[in-house]
N, C-alpha and C. Protein backbone atom coordinates (compact mmCIF):
# COMPACT_ATOMS: atom_id res chain seq x y z
N MET A 1 77.04 90.16 103.03
CA MET A 1 78.10 89.18 102.99
C MET A 1 78.44 88.87 101.54
N LYS A 2 79.72 88.78 101.26
CA LYS A 2 80.20 88.46 99.92
C LYS A 2 80.89 87.10 99.95
N LEU A 3 80.46 86.22 99.05
CA LEU A 3 81.02 84.88 98.95
C LEU A 3 81.84 84.77 97.66
N LEU A 4 83.01 84.15 97.78
CA LEU A 4 83.84 83.86 96.61
C LEU A 4 83.94 82.36 96.48
N PHE A 5 83.51 81.84 95.36
CA PHE A 5 83.61 80.42 95.06
C PHE A 5 84.81 80.21 94.15
N VAL A 6 85.77 79.44 94.62
CA VAL A 6 86.98 79.17 93.87
C VAL A 6 86.85 77.78 93.25
N MET A 7 86.84 77.75 91.94
CA MET A 7 86.69 76.50 91.20
C MET A 7 88.07 76.05 90.75
N SER A 8 88.56 74.95 91.34
CA SER A 8 89.93 74.53 91.07
C SER A 8 90.04 73.11 90.51
N HIS A 9 88.93 72.44 90.33
CA HIS A 9 88.96 71.05 89.84
C HIS A 9 88.51 70.97 88.38
N ALA A 10 89.05 69.98 87.69
CA ALA A 10 88.63 69.72 86.31
C ALA A 10 87.13 69.36 86.31
N PRO A 11 86.46 69.54 85.19
CA PRO A 11 85.01 69.35 85.15
C PRO A 11 84.56 67.90 85.31
N HIS A 12 85.42 66.95 85.01
CA HIS A 12 85.00 65.55 85.04
C HIS A 12 86.00 64.73 85.85
N GLY A 13 85.58 63.59 86.33
CA GLY A 13 86.45 62.75 87.12
C GLY A 13 86.09 62.77 88.59
N SER A 14 85.38 63.80 89.01
CA SER A 14 84.83 63.88 90.36
C SER A 14 83.62 64.79 90.29
N ILE A 15 82.90 64.88 91.38
CA ILE A 15 81.70 65.73 91.37
C ILE A 15 81.96 67.12 91.94
N CYS A 16 83.22 67.43 92.24
CA CYS A 16 83.55 68.74 92.83
C CYS A 16 83.06 69.91 91.98
N ALA A 17 83.30 69.86 90.69
CA ALA A 17 82.94 70.98 89.81
C ALA A 17 81.43 71.19 89.79
N GLN A 18 80.68 70.12 89.64
CA GLN A 18 79.23 70.26 89.60
C GLN A 18 78.68 70.70 90.95
N GLU A 19 79.24 70.16 92.03
CA GLU A 19 78.80 70.59 93.36
C GLU A 19 79.10 72.07 93.59
N GLY A 20 80.24 72.53 93.10
CA GLY A 20 80.59 73.93 93.22
C GLY A 20 79.61 74.83 92.49
N LEU A 21 79.26 74.45 91.29
CA LEU A 21 78.30 75.24 90.51
C LEU A 21 76.93 75.25 91.21
N ASP A 22 76.50 74.10 91.70
CA ASP A 22 75.24 74.03 92.43
C ASP A 22 75.27 74.93 93.67
N ALA A 23 76.40 74.94 94.37
CA ALA A 23 76.54 75.76 95.57
C ALA A 23 76.48 77.25 95.23
N VAL A 24 77.08 77.64 94.12
CA VAL A 24 77.02 79.04 93.69
C VAL A 24 75.58 79.44 93.43
N LEU A 25 74.85 78.60 92.73
CA LEU A 25 73.46 78.93 92.41
C LEU A 25 72.62 79.03 93.67
N MET A 26 72.83 78.13 94.62
CA MET A 26 72.08 78.19 95.88
C MET A 26 72.51 79.39 96.72
N GLY A 27 73.81 79.63 96.81
CA GLY A 27 74.32 80.73 97.61
C GLY A 27 73.88 82.09 97.11
N SER A 28 73.68 82.19 95.81
CA SER A 28 73.30 83.48 95.23
C SER A 28 71.91 83.94 95.67
N ALA A 29 71.11 83.02 96.21
CA ALA A 29 69.79 83.40 96.72
C ALA A 29 69.91 84.15 98.04
N PHE A 30 71.05 84.03 98.71
CA PHE A 30 71.21 84.60 100.03
C PHE A 30 72.31 85.65 100.14
N SER A 31 73.19 85.70 99.16
CA SER A 31 74.36 86.55 99.30
C SER A 31 74.90 86.93 97.92
N ALA A 32 75.75 87.95 97.90
CA ALA A 32 76.44 88.31 96.66
C ALA A 32 77.55 87.29 96.43
N CYS A 33 77.55 86.68 95.26
CA CYS A 33 78.51 85.61 94.96
C CYS A 33 79.36 85.98 93.75
N SER A 34 80.64 85.62 93.85
CA SER A 34 81.58 85.76 92.76
C SER A 34 82.22 84.40 92.51
N LEU A 35 82.71 84.21 91.30
CA LEU A 35 83.38 82.96 90.92
C LEU A 35 84.80 83.25 90.45
N LEU A 36 85.71 82.38 90.87
CA LEU A 36 87.09 82.46 90.43
C LEU A 36 87.53 81.08 89.97
N PHE A 37 87.98 80.99 88.74
CA PHE A 37 88.47 79.72 88.17
C PHE A 37 89.98 79.75 88.16
N ILE A 38 90.58 78.76 88.85
CA ILE A 38 92.03 78.65 88.92
C ILE A 38 92.47 77.24 88.54
N GLY A 39 93.72 77.08 88.18
CA GLY A 39 94.24 75.75 87.86
C GLY A 39 93.36 75.01 86.88
N ALA A 40 93.17 73.71 87.15
CA ALA A 40 92.35 72.87 86.26
C ALA A 40 90.89 73.32 86.23
N GLY A 41 90.50 74.18 87.16
CA GLY A 41 89.13 74.70 87.18
C GLY A 41 88.76 75.45 85.92
N VAL A 42 89.74 76.04 85.23
CA VAL A 42 89.43 76.77 84.00
C VAL A 42 88.85 75.84 82.93
N LEU A 43 89.15 74.55 83.03
CA LEU A 43 88.64 73.59 82.05
C LEU A 43 87.12 73.43 82.14
N GLN A 44 86.54 73.82 83.26
CA GLN A 44 85.08 73.78 83.40
C GLN A 44 84.40 74.69 82.39
N LEU A 45 85.10 75.72 81.96
CA LEU A 45 84.51 76.72 81.07
C LEU A 45 84.74 76.47 79.59
N VAL A 46 85.46 75.43 79.25
CA VAL A 46 85.77 75.17 77.84
C VAL A 46 84.48 74.85 77.08
N ARG A 47 84.33 75.48 75.94
CA ARG A 47 83.14 75.27 75.08
C ARG A 47 83.07 73.85 74.54
N ASP A 48 81.85 73.46 74.18
CA ASP A 48 81.58 72.24 73.40
C ASP A 48 82.16 70.97 74.02
N GLN A 49 82.03 70.82 75.30
CA GLN A 49 82.48 69.59 75.95
C GLN A 49 81.47 68.48 75.65
N ASP A 50 81.97 67.34 75.27
CA ASP A 50 81.12 66.19 74.96
C ASP A 50 81.33 65.13 76.04
N THR A 51 80.32 64.91 76.84
CA THR A 51 80.43 63.95 77.95
C THR A 51 79.73 62.63 77.66
N GLU A 52 79.24 62.47 76.45
CA GLU A 52 78.47 61.27 76.11
C GLU A 52 79.27 59.99 76.36
N LEU A 53 80.52 59.94 75.92
CA LEU A 53 81.33 58.73 76.10
C LEU A 53 81.65 58.46 77.57
N LEU A 54 81.62 59.51 78.38
CA LEU A 54 81.86 59.35 79.81
C LEU A 54 80.63 58.83 80.54
N GLY A 55 79.47 58.96 79.88
CA GLY A 55 78.23 58.51 80.49
C GLY A 55 77.76 59.41 81.62
N ILE A 56 78.12 60.68 81.54
CA ILE A 56 77.69 61.62 82.57
C ILE A 56 77.01 62.82 81.92
N LYS A 57 76.24 63.53 82.74
CA LYS A 57 75.52 64.70 82.26
C LYS A 57 76.49 65.87 82.08
N ASN A 58 76.32 66.61 81.01
CA ASN A 58 77.12 67.80 80.75
C ASN A 58 76.47 68.98 81.49
N PHE A 59 77.04 69.34 82.62
CA PHE A 59 76.47 70.42 83.43
C PHE A 59 76.95 71.80 83.00
N SER A 60 77.88 71.87 82.05
CA SER A 60 78.48 73.15 81.69
C SER A 60 77.48 74.16 81.13
N ARG A 61 76.40 73.68 80.58
CA ARG A 61 75.37 74.62 80.06
C ARG A 61 74.78 75.47 81.17
N THR A 62 74.83 74.97 82.40
CA THR A 62 74.27 75.68 83.54
C THR A 62 75.01 76.99 83.80
N PHE A 63 76.26 77.09 83.38
CA PHE A 63 77.00 78.33 83.57
C PHE A 63 76.29 79.51 82.90
N GLY A 64 75.57 79.25 81.84
CA GLY A 64 74.83 80.31 81.16
C GLY A 64 73.74 80.93 82.00
N ALA A 65 73.30 80.23 83.05
CA ALA A 65 72.25 80.74 83.93
C ALA A 65 72.78 81.66 85.02
N LEU A 66 74.08 81.75 85.18
CA LEU A 66 74.65 82.54 86.27
C LEU A 66 74.11 83.98 86.33
N PRO A 67 74.05 84.71 85.21
CA PRO A 67 73.51 86.07 85.29
C PRO A 67 72.06 86.12 85.79
N ASP A 68 71.27 85.09 85.47
CA ASP A 68 69.89 85.04 85.95
C ASP A 68 69.82 84.91 87.46
N TYR A 69 70.88 84.39 88.06
CA TYR A 69 70.97 84.23 89.51
C TYR A 69 71.73 85.39 90.16
N GLY A 70 72.07 86.40 89.38
CA GLY A 70 72.75 87.57 89.91
C GLY A 70 74.25 87.39 90.06
N VAL A 71 74.81 86.33 89.49
CA VAL A 71 76.25 86.11 89.58
C VAL A 71 76.89 86.70 88.32
N THR A 72 77.44 87.89 88.48
CA THR A 72 78.02 88.59 87.33
C THR A 72 79.52 88.78 87.46
N GLU A 73 80.07 88.55 88.65
CA GLU A 73 81.50 88.68 88.87
C GLU A 73 82.16 87.31 88.66
N VAL A 74 82.71 87.10 87.47
CA VAL A 74 83.36 85.84 87.13
C VAL A 74 84.79 86.15 86.71
N PHE A 75 85.73 85.50 87.40
CA PHE A 75 87.15 85.75 87.17
C PHE A 75 87.86 84.46 86.78
N CYS A 76 88.95 84.61 86.05
CA CYS A 76 89.72 83.46 85.60
C CYS A 76 91.20 83.79 85.74
N CYS A 77 91.95 82.85 86.25
CA CYS A 77 93.39 83.03 86.46
C CYS A 77 94.13 83.09 85.12
N GLU A 78 94.86 84.15 84.92
CA GLU A 78 95.61 84.35 83.69
C GLU A 78 96.63 83.22 83.47
N LYS A 79 97.32 82.83 84.51
CA LYS A 79 98.33 81.78 84.40
C LYS A 79 97.69 80.44 84.02
N ALA A 80 96.54 80.12 84.59
CA ALA A 80 95.87 78.87 84.26
C ALA A 80 95.47 78.83 82.79
N LEU A 81 94.98 79.95 82.27
CA LEU A 81 94.64 79.99 80.84
C LEU A 81 95.88 79.72 80.00
N LYS A 82 96.99 80.35 80.35
CA LYS A 82 98.23 80.14 79.60
C LYS A 82 98.71 78.70 79.72
N ASP A 83 98.63 78.14 80.94
CA ASP A 83 99.07 76.76 81.16
C ASP A 83 98.31 75.76 80.28
N TYR A 84 97.03 76.02 80.07
CA TYR A 84 96.19 75.12 79.26
C TYR A 84 96.04 75.61 77.81
N ARG A 85 96.81 76.64 77.48
CA ARG A 85 96.81 77.20 76.12
C ARG A 85 95.40 77.57 75.65
N LEU A 86 94.70 78.27 76.52
CA LEU A 86 93.34 78.72 76.23
C LEU A 86 93.29 80.23 76.16
N THR A 87 92.29 80.73 75.44
CA THR A 87 91.98 82.15 75.45
C THR A 87 90.52 82.27 75.86
N THR A 88 90.08 83.47 76.11
CA THR A 88 88.67 83.65 76.49
C THR A 88 87.74 83.25 75.34
N ASN A 89 88.23 83.22 74.12
CA ASN A 89 87.40 82.77 73.00
C ASN A 89 87.09 81.28 73.07
N ASP A 90 87.87 80.52 73.83
CA ASP A 90 87.65 79.09 74.00
C ASP A 90 86.61 78.78 75.08
N LEU A 91 86.16 79.82 75.79
CA LEU A 91 85.34 79.61 76.98
C LEU A 91 83.87 79.92 76.75
N LEU A 92 83.03 79.29 77.57
CA LEU A 92 81.59 79.51 77.53
C LEU A 92 81.22 80.92 77.98
N LEU A 93 81.92 81.40 78.99
CA LEU A 93 81.69 82.72 79.55
C LEU A 93 82.84 83.64 79.16
N LYS A 94 82.67 84.89 79.40
CA LYS A 94 83.75 85.86 79.20
C LYS A 94 84.17 86.38 80.58
N PRO A 95 84.98 85.58 81.29
CA PRO A 95 85.41 86.02 82.62
C PRO A 95 86.44 87.14 82.53
N LYS A 96 86.60 87.84 83.63
CA LYS A 96 87.67 88.83 83.73
C LYS A 96 88.94 88.04 84.02
N VAL A 97 89.93 88.19 83.19
CA VAL A 97 91.20 87.48 83.36
C VAL A 97 92.05 88.28 84.34
N VAL A 98 92.49 87.58 85.40
CA VAL A 98 93.20 88.27 86.48
C VAL A 98 94.53 87.60 86.81
N SER A 99 95.45 88.41 87.30
CA SER A 99 96.78 87.95 87.69
C SER A 99 96.79 87.59 89.18
N SER A 100 97.89 87.04 89.64
CA SER A 100 98.02 86.62 91.05
C SER A 100 97.75 87.74 92.06
N PRO A 101 98.28 88.95 91.86
CA PRO A 101 97.98 90.02 92.84
C PRO A 101 96.49 90.35 92.92
N VAL A 102 95.81 90.29 91.80
CA VAL A 102 94.37 90.57 91.78
C VAL A 102 93.63 89.43 92.48
N ILE A 103 94.08 88.21 92.28
CA ILE A 103 93.46 87.06 92.95
C ILE A 103 93.59 87.23 94.47
N GLN A 104 94.75 87.64 94.94
CA GLN A 104 94.94 87.87 96.37
C GLN A 104 93.98 88.94 96.88
N ALA A 105 93.80 90.00 96.11
CA ALA A 105 92.86 91.06 96.50
C ALA A 105 91.43 90.53 96.55
N LEU A 106 91.06 89.66 95.59
CA LEU A 106 89.73 89.07 95.60
C LEU A 106 89.51 88.24 96.86
N LEU A 107 90.50 87.45 97.21
CA LEU A 107 90.40 86.62 98.42
C LEU A 107 90.20 87.49 99.66
N ASN A 108 90.90 88.60 99.71
CA ASN A 108 90.79 89.51 100.85
C ASN A 108 89.49 90.29 100.87
N ASP A 109 88.91 90.51 99.70
CA ASP A 109 87.72 91.35 99.57
C ASP A 109 86.42 90.62 99.90
N HIS A 110 86.45 89.32 100.00
CA HIS A 110 85.23 88.55 100.26
C HIS A 110 85.20 88.06 101.71
N ASN A 111 83.99 88.00 102.27
CA ASN A 111 83.83 87.56 103.65
C ASN A 111 84.09 86.07 103.83
N GLN A 112 83.77 85.29 102.83
CA GLN A 112 83.89 83.84 102.91
C GLN A 112 84.39 83.31 101.57
N VAL A 113 85.32 82.36 101.62
CA VAL A 113 85.85 81.74 100.41
C VAL A 113 85.56 80.25 100.49
N LEU A 114 84.91 79.73 99.46
CA LEU A 114 84.60 78.31 99.38
C LEU A 114 85.30 77.73 98.17
N THR A 115 86.01 76.63 98.35
CA THR A 115 86.79 76.05 97.26
C THR A 115 86.20 74.72 96.83
N PHE A 116 86.04 74.57 95.53
CA PHE A 116 85.50 73.34 94.96
C PHE A 116 86.44 72.87 93.87
């Protein structure tokens, strides 16, 4: 079974992003998992986020553990990067940047899609 986790929420302001990352790490113990960052979800990958003033834990460092959990397929929406004026150099990871047709193919290629 192949699981695709779609990360579509900004990293702060709700717990969706952190719950999504936790779910990926847990799911990877049982299945092949891939990650797709779309919309505001790409902001989860921005380097050097400082959450001290927000009074919350910075969970973004956990993304570095993904390869240790066997999660090597990480994708990022090309349009979302452009919308937020980001490049892959601004990100913690080096995701594969994909267009809308490729995103559709990813959705079709996985047995289950979970959105966070």
